[in-house]
Amino acid sequence: MPQIALITVLYHADLVLEDFISGISHQDFKDYKLYLVDNSFNSESTQLIQNLIQRYPITDYLHINSGGNIGVAAGNNLGLYQAQADGCRCIIFLNNDITISQSFMLGKIYELCQSHKMVTPKIYYHNTDLIWMAGGYIDLFKAIGVHYGMNQKDSQAINQSKYVTYAPTCFLAVDMSVIREIGVMDELYFAYYDDTDFVHRAVKVGFRVWYESSLIIYHKVSTSSGGDDSLFYIYYGNRNKIIFIRKFFKGLHKWYLFAYYFLTRFFLYYLRFDKQRKKQLIKATRDGLSIKL
């Protein structure tokens, strides 16, 4: 029964796996199991993983063929179900485009997770001294998760450990008691807003995320989805924002958020998009409003 389950979802991730596996291999805390949920399963990646784990020994791991690109949320759930069956006490959802340089990271995260239930470290952009995330909150007037300290350098405020109300699953430790209380990821999202939904549900029932400023990782900020102007992001980012609003907000607050959505999408995006992106934004909006929750 491993104490920690490390769950990561792979999608054409071969180029980042060496740094990722190396960082885990060098951890002082060894009571973990790594779950590699592969949404682009193929023989070349399987061989690469086997070669890397020979070079950088891992305590225990499981390479899971998801059967296709089932999305980030469903991929995390697939790993989570296996971790539950294996008796893990703490789940860490983590990207594979990160590097972990602190050998004490897992041990300290596990210790903090037992008392705080949800824990996140400070996250820098890879090879920079700029912050990507130093904890965060959900902006209830924009219906979006906001990163504290983004694009800033270290400061006294950023280096203060504290409770926060949002953190992405780039690296998020969650005690299994939280899962038992709020359930798993909502697979309806596929990608984007799945972590916002998960953390928001936890906060609504009384949990908070402990931001530990002494723990750091570096994030390569994957562009596998093509960036904010890609057809993929335009569809899922906007569709899922509407789904999130429909799930959690009511009355005047909900209608305010819808008004904000339509005004910003028209003036900031639709007017500058080409024909193909305009169609994608319309499709995302229509599906977000009509999809069954």
C-alpha atoms as a PDB file:
ATOM      1  CA  MET A   1       0.000   0.000   0.000  1.00  0.00           C
ATOM      2  CA  PRO A   2       1.920   3.075  -1.190  1.00  0.00           C
ATOM      3  CA  GLN A   3       1.285   6.217   0.856  1.00  0.00           C
ATOM      4  CA  ILE A   4       1.379   8.588  -2.131  1.00  0.00           C
ATOM      5  CA  ALA A   5      -0.120   8.152  -5.591  1.00  0.00           C
ATOM      6  CA  LEU A   6       1.528  10.323  -8.227  1.00  0.00           C
ATOM      7  CA  ILE A   7      -0.984  10.668 -11.075  1.00  0.00           C
ATOM      8  CA  THR A   8      -0.051  12.241 -14.391  1.00  0.00           C
ATOM      9  CA  VAL A   9      -1.830  12.165 -17.746  1.00  0.00           C
ATOM     10  CA  LEU A  10       0.403  11.707 -20.795  1.00  0.00           C
ATOM     11  CA  TYR A  11      -0.413  13.030 -24.236  1.00  0.00           C
ATOM     12  CA  HIS A  12       2.528  13.006 -26.678  1.00  0.00           C
ATOM     13  CA  ALA A  13       4.768  13.790 -23.720  1.00  0.00           C
ATOM     14  CA  ASP A  14       7.972  12.014 -24.751  1.00  0.00           C
ATOM     15  CA  LEU A  15      10.089  15.193 -24.862  1.00  0.00           C
ATOM     16  CA  VAL A  16       9.418  16.130 -21.224  1.00  0.00           C
ATOM     17  CA  LEU A  17       9.505  12.697 -19.573  1.00  0.00           C
ATOM     18  CA  GLU A  18      13.218  12.513 -18.756  1.00  0.00           C
ATOM     19  CA  ASP A  19      13.205  15.599 -16.518  1.00  0.00           C
ATOM     20  CA  PHE A  20       9.923  14.499 -14.971  1.00  0.00           C
ATOM     21  CA  ILE A  21      10.998  10.948 -14.107  1.00  0.00           C
ATOM     22  CA  SER A  22      14.468  12.077 -13.013  1.00  0.00           C
ATOM     23  CA  GLY A  23      12.967  14.485 -10.472  1.00  0.00           C
ATOM     24  CA  ILE A  24      10.797  11.744  -8.972  1.00  0.00           C
ATOM     25  CA  SER A  25      13.667   9.257  -8.912  1.00  0.00           C
ATOM     26  CA  HIS A  26      15.799  11.573  -6.765  1.00  0.00           C
ATOM     27  CA  GLN A  27      13.180  11.960  -4.016  1.00  0.00           C
ATOM     28  CA  ASP A  28      14.200  10.953  -0.492  1.00  0.00           C
ATOM     29  CA  PHE A  29      10.644   9.759   0.233  1.00  0.00           C
ATOM     30  CA  LYS A  30      10.182   6.407  -1.527  1.00  0.00           C
ATOM     31  CA  ASP A  31       6.741   5.278  -0.357  1.00  0.00           C
ATOM     32  CA  TYR A  32       4.902   6.191  -3.562  1.00  0.00           C
ATOM     33  CA  LYS A  33       3.555   4.745  -6.787  1.00  0.00           C
ATOM     34  CA  LEU A  34       3.622   6.601 -10.102  1.00  0.00           C
ATOM     35  CA  TYR A  35       0.546   6.217 -12.323  1.00  0.00           C
ATOM     36  CA  LEU A  36       1.254   7.166 -15.937  1.00  0.00           C
ATOM     37  CA  VAL A  37      -2.159   7.422 -17.619  1.00  0.00           C
ATOM     38  CA  ASP A  38      -1.371   7.478 -21.323  1.00  0.00           C
ATOM     39  CA  ASN A  39      -3.851   9.159 -23.680  1.00  0.00           C
ATOM     40  CA  SER A  40      -1.507   8.584 -26.640  1.00  0.00           C
ATOM     41  CA  PHE A  41      -0.346   5.062 -25.818  1.00  0.00           C
ATOM     42  CA  ASN A  42       2.158   3.598 -28.300  1.00  0.00           C
ATOM     43  CA  SER A  43       5.086   1.207 -28.330  1.00  0.00           C
ATOM     44  CA  GLU A  44       7.712   3.958 -28.712  1.00  0.00           C
ATOM     45  CA  SER A  45       6.536   5.790 -25.587  1.00  0.00           C
ATOM     46  CA  THR A  46       6.321   2.523 -23.663  1.00  0.00           C
ATOM     47  CA  GLN A  47       9.919   1.705 -24.560  1.00  0.00           C
ATOM     48  CA  LEU A  48      11.038   5.225 -23.650  1.00  0.00           C
ATOM     49  CA  ILE A  49       9.380   4.983 -20.220  1.00  0.00           C
ATOM     50  CA  GLN A  50      11.014   1.607 -19.568  1.00  0.00           C
ATOM     51  CA  ASN A  51      14.439   2.973 -20.585  1.00  0.00           C
ATOM     52  CA  LEU A  52      14.067   6.080 -18.421  1.00  0.00           C
ATOM     53  CA  ILE A  53      13.026   4.084 -15.368  1.00  0.00           C
ATOM     54  CA  GLN A  54      16.068   1.850 -15.796  1.00  0.00           C
ATOM     55  CA  ARG A  55      18.210   5.005 -15.852  1.00  0.00           C
ATOM     56  CA  TYR A  56      16.268   6.777 -13.080  1.00  0.00           C
ATOM     57  CA  PRO A  57      14.873   4.080 -10.770  1.00  0.00           C
ATOM     58  CA  ILE A  58      11.281   4.565  -9.606  1.00  0.00           C
ATOM     59  CA  THR A  59       9.938   2.823  -6.487  1.00  0.00           C
ATOM     60  CA  ASP A  60       6.821   1.548  -8.271  1.00  0.00           C
ATOM     61  CA  TYR A  61       4.892   2.571 -11.352  1.00  0.00           C
ATOM     62  CA  LEU A  62       2.011   1.606 -13.583  1.00  0.00           C
ATOM     63  CA  HIS A  63       1.750   2.627 -17.237  1.00  0.00           C
ATOM     64  CA  ILE A  64      -1.971   2.702 -18.056  1.00  0.00           C
ATOM     65  CA  ASN A  65      -3.350   2.605 -21.593  1.00  0.00           C
ATOM     66  CA  SER A  66      -6.451   4.829 -21.471  1.00  0.00           C
ATOM     67  CA  GLY A  67      -7.580   3.580 -24.874  1.00  0.00           C
ATOM     68  CA  GLY A  68      -7.369   6.972 -26.589  1.00  0.00           C
ATOM     69  CA  ASN A  69      -7.510  10.669 -25.808  1.00  0.00           C
ATOM     70  CA  ILE A  70     -10.166  10.559 -23.097  1.00  0.00           C
ATOM     71  CA  GLY A  71      -9.198  13.989 -21.743  1.00  0.00           C
ATOM     72  CA  VAL A  72      -7.365  15.234 -18.677  1.00  0.00           C
ATOM     73  CA  ALA A  73     -10.231  14.850 -16.196  1.00  0.00           C
ATOM     74  CA  ALA A  74     -11.059  11.270 -17.204  1.00  0.00           C
ATOM     75  CA  GLY A  75      -7.349  10.430 -17.302  1.00  0.00           C
ATOM     76  CA  ASN A  76      -6.863  11.692 -13.760  1.00  0.00           C
ATOM     77  CA  ASN A  77      -9.891   9.684 -12.655  1.00  0.00           C
ATOM     78  CA  LEU A  78      -8.512   6.538 -14.258  1.00  0.00           C
ATOM     79  CA  GLY A  79      -5.340   6.908 -12.211  1.00  0.00           C
ATOM     80  CA  LEU A  80      -7.352   7.829  -9.137  1.00  0.00           C
ATOM     81  CA  TYR A  81      -9.511   4.712  -9.276  1.00  0.00           C
ATOM     82  CA  GLN A  82      -6.405   2.536  -9.463  1.00  0.00           C
ATOM     83  CA  ALA A  83      -4.780   4.453  -6.596  1.00  0.00           C
ATOM     84  CA  GLN A  84      -7.901   3.916  -4.482  1.00  0.00           C
ATOM     85  CA  ALA A  85      -7.765   0.191  -5.230  1.00  0.00           C
ATOM     86  CA  ASP A  86      -4.105   0.170  -4.222  1.00  0.00           C
ATOM     87  CA  GLY A  87      -4.878   1.797  -0.860  1.00  0.00           C
ATOM     88  CA  CYS A  88      -3.014   5.093  -1.359  1.00  0.00           C
ATOM     89  CA  ARG A  89      -3.624   7.724   1.348  1.00  0.00           C
ATOM     90  CA  CYS A  90      -2.562  10.847  -0.539  1.00  0.00           C
ATOM     91  CA  ILE A  91      -3.043  11.712  -4.206  1.00  0.00           C
ATOM     92  CA  ILE A  92      -0.773  14.117  -6.048  1.00  0.00           C
ATOM     93  CA  PHE A  93      -2.123  15.265  -9.405  1.00  0.00           C
ATOM     94  CA  LEU A  94       0.825  16.581 -11.382  1.00  0.00           C
ATOM     95  CA  ASN A  95       1.765  17.635 -14.878  1.00  0.00           C
ATOM     96  CA  ASN A  96       4.592  15.813 -16.602  1.00  0.00           C
ATOM     97  CA  ASP A  97       6.015  19.052 -18.045  1.00  0.00           C
ATOM     98  CA  ILE A  98       7.499  19.939 -14.645  1.00  0.00           C
ATOM     99  CA  THR A  99      10.873  19.458 -13.008  1.00  0.00           C
ATOM    100  CA  ILE A 100      11.338  18.741  -9.294  1.00  0.00           C
ATOM    101  CA  SER A 101      14.749  19.736  -7.973  1.00  0.00           C
ATOM    102  CA  GLN A 102      14.111  19.467  -4.217  1.00  0.00           C
ATOM    103  CA  SER A 103      14.801  15.914  -3.061  1.00  0.00           C
ATOM    104  CA  PHE A 104      12.618  16.455   0.042  1.00  0.00           C
ATOM    105  CA  MET A 105       9.533  17.544  -1.957  1.00  0.00           C
ATOM    106  CA  LEU A 106       7.416  14.376  -1.644  1.00  0.00           C
ATOM    107  CA  GLY A 107       8.214  13.805   2.014  1.00  0.00           C
ATOM    108  CA  LYS A 108       7.326  17.369   2.974  1.00  0.00           C
ATOM    109  CA  ILE A 109       4.171  17.391   0.818  1.00  0.00           C
ATOM    110  CA  TYR A 110       3.002  14.137   2.414  1.00  0.00           C
ATOM    111  CA  GLU A 111       3.592  15.521   5.910  1.00  0.00           C
ATOM    112  CA  LEU A 112       1.667  18.721   5.113  1.00  0.00           C
ATOM    113  CA  CYS A 113      -1.150  16.847   3.388  1.00  0.00           C
ATOM    114  CA  GLN A 114      -1.937  14.886   6.533  1.00  0.00           C
ATOM    115  CA  SER A 115      -2.748  18.091   8.422  1.00  0.00           C
ATOM    116  CA  HIS A 116      -3.964  20.446   5.670  1.00  0.00           C
ATOM    117  CA  LYS A 117      -5.633  17.883   3.332  1.00  0.00           C
ATOM    118  CA  MET A 118      -4.790  19.871   0.163  1.00  0.00           C
ATOM    119  CA  VAL A 119      -1.325  21.293  -0.576  1.00  0.00           C
ATOM    120  CA  THR A 120       0.354  23.087  -3.465  1.00  0.00           C
ATOM    121  CA  PRO A 121       3.954  24.379  -3.876  1.00  0.00           C
ATOM    122  CA  LYS A 122       5.293  27.551  -5.437  1.00  0.00           C
ATOM    123  CA  ILE A 123       5.615  27.102  -9.220  1.00  0.00           C
ATOM    124  CA  TYR A 124       8.074  28.969 -11.431  1.00  0.00           C
ATOM    125  CA  TYR A 125       8.229  29.158 -15.186  1.00  0.00           C
ATOM    126  CA  HIS A 126      10.951  26.743 -16.311  1.00  0.00           C
ATOM    127  CA  ASN A 127      14.470  28.195 -16.345  1.00  0.00           C
ATOM    128  CA  THR A 128      13.351  31.589 -15.033  1.00  0.00           C
ATOM    129  CA  ASP A 129      12.953  33.410 -11.737  1.00  0.00           C
ATOM    130  CA  LEU A 130       9.378  34.386 -12.621  1.00  0.00           C
ATOM    131  CA  ILE A 131       6.406  32.957 -10.756  1.00  0.00           C
ATOM    132  CA  TRP A 132       3.761  30.971 -12.621  1.00  0.00           C
ATOM    133  CA  MET A 133       1.650  30.306  -9.516  1.00  0.00           C
ATOM    134  CA  ALA A 134       1.986  31.144  -5.824  1.00  0.00           C
ATOM    135  CA  GLY A 135      -1.408  29.918  -4.708  1.00  0.00           C
ATOM    136  CA  GLY A 136      -4.591  31.411  -6.080  1.00  0.00           C
ATOM    137  CA  TYR A 137      -8.273  32.144  -5.779  1.00  0.00           C
ATOM    138  CA  ILE A 138     -11.423  31.793  -7.857  1.00  0.00           C
ATOM    139  CA  ASP A 139     -12.570  35.178  -9.136  1.00  0.00           C
ATOM    140  CA  LEU A 140     -16.323  34.990  -8.600  1.00  0.00           C
ATOM    141  CA  PHE A 141     -16.903  38.027 -10.857  1.00  0.00           C
ATOM    142  CA  LYS A 142     -15.169  36.415 -13.830  1.00  0.00           C
ATOM    143  CA  ALA A 143     -15.691  32.711 -13.018  1.00  0.00           C
ATOM    144  CA  ILE A 144     -12.042  31.827 -13.429  1.00  0.00           C
ATOM    145  CA  GLY A 145      -9.157  30.534 -11.325  1.00  0.00           C
ATOM    146  CA  VAL A 146      -6.535  33.255 -10.765  1.00  0.00           C
ATOM    147  CA  HIS A 147      -2.857  32.661  -9.957  1.00  0.00           C
ATOM    148  CA  TYR A 148      -1.258  34.821  -7.275  1.00  0.00           C
ATOM    149  CA  GLY A 149       2.101  36.289  -8.256  1.00  0.00           C
ATOM    150  CA  MET A 150       1.934  35.343 -11.934  1.00  0.00           C
ATOM    151  CA  ASN A 151       4.859  36.783 -13.956  1.00  0.00           C
ATOM    152  CA  GLN A 152       6.330  38.371 -10.824  1.00  0.00           C
ATOM    153  CA  LYS A 153       9.581  37.733  -9.010  1.00  0.00           C
ATOM    154  CA  ASP A 154       9.789  36.565  -5.410  1.00  0.00           C
ATOM    155  CA  SER A 155       8.552  38.972  -2.774  1.00  0.00           C
ATOM    156  CA  GLN A 156       7.655  38.915   0.899  1.00  0.00           C
ATOM    157  CA  ALA A 157       4.010  38.301   0.049  1.00  0.00           C
ATOM    158  CA  ILE A 158       4.779  35.450  -2.338  1.00  0.00           C
ATOM    159  CA  ASN A 159       7.040  33.801   0.242  1.00  0.00           C
ATOM    160  CA  GLN A 160       4.301  33.679   2.871  1.00  0.00           C
ATOM    161  CA  SER A 161       2.777  30.219   3.268  1.00  0.00           C
ATOM    162  CA  LYS A 162      -0.989  30.395   3.765  1.00  0.00           C
ATOM    163  CA  TYR A 163      -4.371  28.932   2.948  1.00  0.00           C
ATOM    164  CA  VAL A 164      -5.702  29.744  -0.517  1.00  0.00           C
ATOM    165  CA  THR A 165      -8.925  28.862  -2.310  1.00  0.00           C
ATOM    166  CA  TYR A 166      -7.540  27.750  -5.668  1.00  0.00           C
ATOM    167  CA  ALA A 167      -4.591  25.895  -7.161  1.00  0.00           C
ATOM    168  CA  PRO A 168      -4.316  24.073 -10.503  1.00  0.00           C
ATOM    169  CA  THR A 169      -3.538  20.377 -10.815  1.00  0.00           C
ATOM    170  CA  CYS A 170      -0.129  21.189 -12.242  1.00  0.00           C
ATOM    171  CA  PHE A 171       0.935  19.961  -8.789  1.00  0.00           C
ATOM    172  CA  LEU A 172      -1.803  19.482  -6.211  1.00  0.00           C
ATOM    173  CA  ALA A 173      -1.674  17.079  -3.266  1.00  0.00           C
ATOM    174  CA  VAL A 174      -5.055  15.856  -2.018  1.00  0.00           C
ATOM    175  CA  ASP A 175      -5.766  13.631   0.958  1.00  0.00           C
ATOM    176  CA  MET A 176      -8.009  10.699   0.067  1.00  0.00           C
ATOM    177  CA  SER A 177     -10.564  11.956   2.615  1.00  0.00           C
ATOM    178  CA  VAL A 178     -11.233  14.913   0.296  1.00  0.00           C
ATOM    179  CA  ILE A 179     -12.013  12.538  -2.570  1.00  0.00           C
ATOM    180  CA  ARG A 180     -14.398  10.602  -0.353  1.00  0.00           C
ATOM    181  CA  GLU A 181     -16.158  13.851   0.546  1.00  0.00           C
ATOM    182  CA  ILE A 182     -16.491  15.579  -2.861  1.00  0.00           C
ATOM    183  CA  GLY A 183     -15.965  12.828  -5.439  1.00  0.00           C
ATOM    184  CA  VAL A 184     -13.678  12.661  -8.449  1.00  0.00           C
ATOM    185  CA  MET A 185     -12.999  15.005 -11.372  1.00  0.00           C
ATOM    186  CA  ASP A 186     -15.971  15.972 -13.532  1.00  0.00           C
ATOM    187  CA  GLU A 187     -15.185  14.312 -16.874  1.00  0.00           C
ATOM    188  CA  LEU A 188     -17.633  16.550 -18.718  1.00  0.00           C
ATOM    189  CA  TYR A 189     -14.914  19.216 -18.927  1.00  0.00           C
ATOM    190  CA  PHE A 190     -12.427  17.002 -20.843  1.00  0.00           C
ATOM    191  CA  ALA A 191      -9.731  19.700 -20.466  1.00  0.00           C
ATOM    192  CA  TYR A 192      -9.698  23.155 -18.826  1.00  0.00           C
ATOM    193  CA  TYR A 193     -11.784  24.041 -15.772  1.00  0.00           C
ATOM    194  CA  ASP A 194     -11.684  20.439 -14.499  1.00  0.00           C
ATOM    195  CA  ASP A 195      -9.290  21.470 -11.704  1.00  0.00           C
ATOM    196  CA  THR A 196     -11.186  24.719 -11.067  1.00  0.00           C
ATOM    197  CA  ASP A 197     -14.376  22.699 -10.619  1.00  0.00           C
ATOM    198  CA  PHE A 198     -12.662  20.161  -8.354  1.00  0.00           C
ATOM    199  CA  VAL A 199     -11.061  22.704  -6.027  1.00  0.00           C
ATOM    200  CA  HIS A 200     -14.200  24.867  -5.946  1.00  0.00           C
ATOM    201  CA  ARG A 201     -16.268  21.863  -4.825  1.00  0.00           C
ATOM    202  CA  ALA A 202     -13.736  21.175  -2.072  1.00  0.00           C
ATOM    203  CA  VAL A 203     -13.751  24.781  -0.877  1.00  0.00           C
ATOM    204  CA  LYS A 204     -17.559  24.876  -0.842  1.00  0.00           C
ATOM    205  CA  VAL A 205     -17.648  22.064   1.739  1.00  0.00           C
ATOM    206  CA  GLY A 206     -14.962  23.606   3.952  1.00  0.00           C
ATOM    207  CA  PHE A 207     -11.577  22.450   2.633  1.00  0.00           C
ATOM    208  CA  ARG A 208      -8.813  24.895   1.744  1.00  0.00           C
ATOM    209  CA  VAL A 209      -5.516  24.540  -0.103  1.00  0.00           C
ATOM    210  CA  TRP A 210      -2.315  25.097   1.841  1.00  0.00           C
ATOM    211  CA  TYR A 211       0.190  27.030  -0.278  1.00  0.00           C
ATOM    212  CA  GLU A 212       3.694  26.075   0.901  1.00  0.00           C
ATOM    213  CA  SER A 213       6.151  28.709  -0.335  1.00  0.00           C
ATOM    214  CA  SER A 214       9.276  26.758   0.677  1.00  0.00           C
ATOM    215  CA  LEU A 215       8.489  24.017  -1.850  1.00  0.00           C
ATOM    216  CA  ILE A 216       9.156  24.833  -5.500  1.00  0.00           C
ATOM    217  CA  ILE A 217       8.808  23.224  -8.892  1.00  0.00           C
ATOM    218  CA  TYR A 218       9.454  24.468 -12.421  1.00  0.00           C
ATOM    219  CA  HIS A 219       6.785  24.305 -15.108  1.00  0.00           C
ATOM    220  CA  LYS A 220       7.521  24.183 -18.811  1.00  0.00           C
ATOM    221  CA  VAL A 221       3.980  25.462 -19.531  1.00  0.00           C
ATOM    222  CA  SER A 222       3.073  22.990 -22.238  1.00  0.00           C
ATOM    223  CA  THR A 223       1.794  24.300 -25.556  1.00  0.00           C
ATOM    224  CA  SER A 224       0.415  20.914 -26.653  1.00  0.00           C
ATOM    225  CA  SER A 225      -3.052  22.445 -26.957  1.00  0.00           C
ATOM    226  CA  GLY A 226      -1.732  25.161 -29.262  1.00  0.00           C
ATOM    227  CA  GLY A 227      -2.136  28.227 -27.045  1.00  0.00           C
ATOM    228  CA  ASP A 228      -5.035  30.549 -26.280  1.00  0.00           C
ATOM    229  CA  ASP A 229      -5.896  31.195 -29.944  1.00  0.00           C
ATOM    230  CA  SER A 230      -5.922  27.524 -30.942  1.00  0.00           C
ATOM    231  CA  LEU A 231      -9.203  25.956 -32.021  1.00  0.00           C
ATOM    232  CA  PHE A 232      -8.844  23.467 -29.169  1.00  0.00           C
ATOM    233  CA  TYR A 233      -8.572  26.155 -26.483  1.00  0.00           C
ATOM    234  CA  ILE A 234     -11.238  28.385 -28.030  1.00  0.00           C
ATOM    235  CA  TYR A 235     -13.688  25.493 -27.875  1.00  0.00           C
ATOM    236  CA  TYR A 236     -12.950  23.901 -24.492  1.00  0.00           C
ATOM    237  CA  GLY A 237     -11.904  27.069 -22.658  1.00  0.00           C
ATOM    238  CA  ASN A 238     -15.137  28.861 -23.553  1.00  0.00           C
ATOM    239  CA  ARG A 239     -17.528  25.903 -23.483  1.00  0.00           C
ATOM    240  CA  ASN A 240     -16.253  24.893 -20.060  1.00  0.00           C
ATOM    241  CA  LYS A 241     -16.465  28.403 -18.647  1.00  0.00           C
ATOM    242  CA  ILE A 242     -20.192  28.348 -19.418  1.00  0.00           C
ATOM    243  CA  ILE A 243     -20.560  24.874 -17.895  1.00  0.00           C
ATOM    244  CA  PHE A 244     -18.798  26.087 -14.731  1.00  0.00           C
ATOM    245  CA  ILE A 245     -21.146  29.090 -14.481  1.00  0.00           C
ATOM    246  CA  ARG A 246     -24.208  26.891 -14.986  1.00  0.00           C
ATOM    247  CA  LYS A 247     -23.083  24.422 -12.311  1.00  0.00           C
ATOM    248  CA  PHE A 248     -22.213  26.772  -9.487  1.00  0.00           C
ATOM    249  CA  PHE A 249     -24.009  30.100  -9.810  1.00  0.00           C
ATOM    250  CA  LYS A 250     -27.644  31.123  -9.521  1.00  0.00           C
ATOM    251  CA  GLY A 251     -29.927  34.116  -9.889  1.00  0.00           C
ATOM    252  CA  LEU A 252     -28.527  37.565 -10.606  1.00  0.00           C
ATOM    253  CA  HIS A 253     -24.954  36.366 -10.073  1.00  0.00           C
ATOM    254  CA  LYS A 254     -25.320  33.809 -12.881  1.00  0.00           C
ATOM    255  CA  TRP A 255     -26.863  36.334 -15.266  1.00  0.00           C
ATOM    256  CA  TYR A 256     -24.118  38.844 -14.475  1.00  0.00           C
ATOM    257  CA  LEU A 257     -21.496  36.199 -15.377  1.00  0.00           C
ATOM    258  CA  PHE A 258     -23.304  35.364 -18.612  1.00  0.00           C
ATOM    259  CA  ALA A 259     -23.433  39.058 -19.524  1.00  0.00           C
ATOM    260  CA  TYR A 260     -19.720  39.390 -18.760  1.00  0.00           C
ATOM    261  CA  TYR A 261     -19.005  36.322 -20.886  1.00  0.00           C
ATOM    262  CA  PHE A 262     -20.895  37.543 -23.935  1.00  0.00           C
ATOM    263  CA  LEU A 263     -19.540  41.101 -23.768  1.00  0.00           C
ATOM    264  CA  THR A 264     -15.913  40.023 -23.415  1.00  0.00           C
ATOM    265  CA  ARG A 265     -16.154  37.248 -25.997  1.00  0.00           C
ATOM    266  CA  PHE A 266     -17.658  39.595 -28.562  1.00  0.00           C
ATOM    267  CA  PHE A 267     -15.448  42.664 -28.077  1.00  0.00           C
ATOM    268  CA  LEU A 268     -12.168  40.967 -27.109  1.00  0.00           C
ATOM    269  CA  TYR A 269     -12.258  37.826 -29.230  1.00  0.00           C
ATOM    270  CA  TYR A 270     -14.957  37.494 -31.881  1.00  0.00           C
ATOM    271  CA  LEU A 271     -14.174  40.804 -33.585  1.00  0.00           C
ATOM    272  CA  ARG A 272     -10.497  39.914 -34.048  1.00  0.00           C
ATOM    273  CA  PHE A 273     -10.918  36.212 -34.882  1.00  0.00           C
ATOM    274  CA  ASP A 274     -10.775  34.851 -38.406  1.00  0.00           C
ATOM    275  CA  LYS A 275     -13.770  33.020 -39.846  1.00  0.00           C
ATOM    276  CA  GLN A 276     -12.741  29.592 -38.549  1.00  0.00           C
ATOM    277  CA  ARG A 277     -12.188  30.836 -35.005  1.00  0.00           C
ATOM    278  CA  LYS A 278     -15.442  32.771 -35.032  1.00  0.00           C
ATOM    279  CA  LYS A 279     -17.282  29.533 -35.843  1.00  0.00           C
ATOM    280  CA  GLN A 280     -15.436  27.693 -33.094  1.00  0.00           C
ATOM    281  CA  LEU A 281     -16.349  30.334 -30.503  1.00  0.00           C
ATOM    282  CA  ILE A 282     -20.015  30.187 -31.530  1.00  0.00           C
ATOM    283  CA  LYS A 283     -19.969  26.374 -31.327  1.00  0.00           C
ATOM    284  CA  ALA A 284     -18.335  26.481 -27.881  1.00  0.00           C
ATOM    285  CA  THR A 285     -20.960  28.927 -26.633  1.00  0.00           C
ATOM    286  CA  ARG A 286     -23.867  26.949 -28.043  1.00  0.00           C
ATOM    287  CA  ASP A 287     -22.583  23.650 -26.631  1.00  0.00           C
ATOM    288  CA  GLY A 288     -21.844  25.196 -23.248  1.00  0.00           C
ATOM    289  CA  LEU A 289     -25.413  26.438 -22.959  1.00  0.00           C
ATOM    290  CA  SER A 290     -27.087  23.278 -24.232  1.00  0.00           C
ATOM    291  CA  ILE A 291     -24.998  20.378 -22.934  1.00  0.00           C
ATOM    292  CA  LYS A 292     -26.670  18.306 -20.221  1.00  0.00           C
ATOM    293  CA  LEU A 293     -24.997  18.720 -16.834  1.00  0.00           C
END
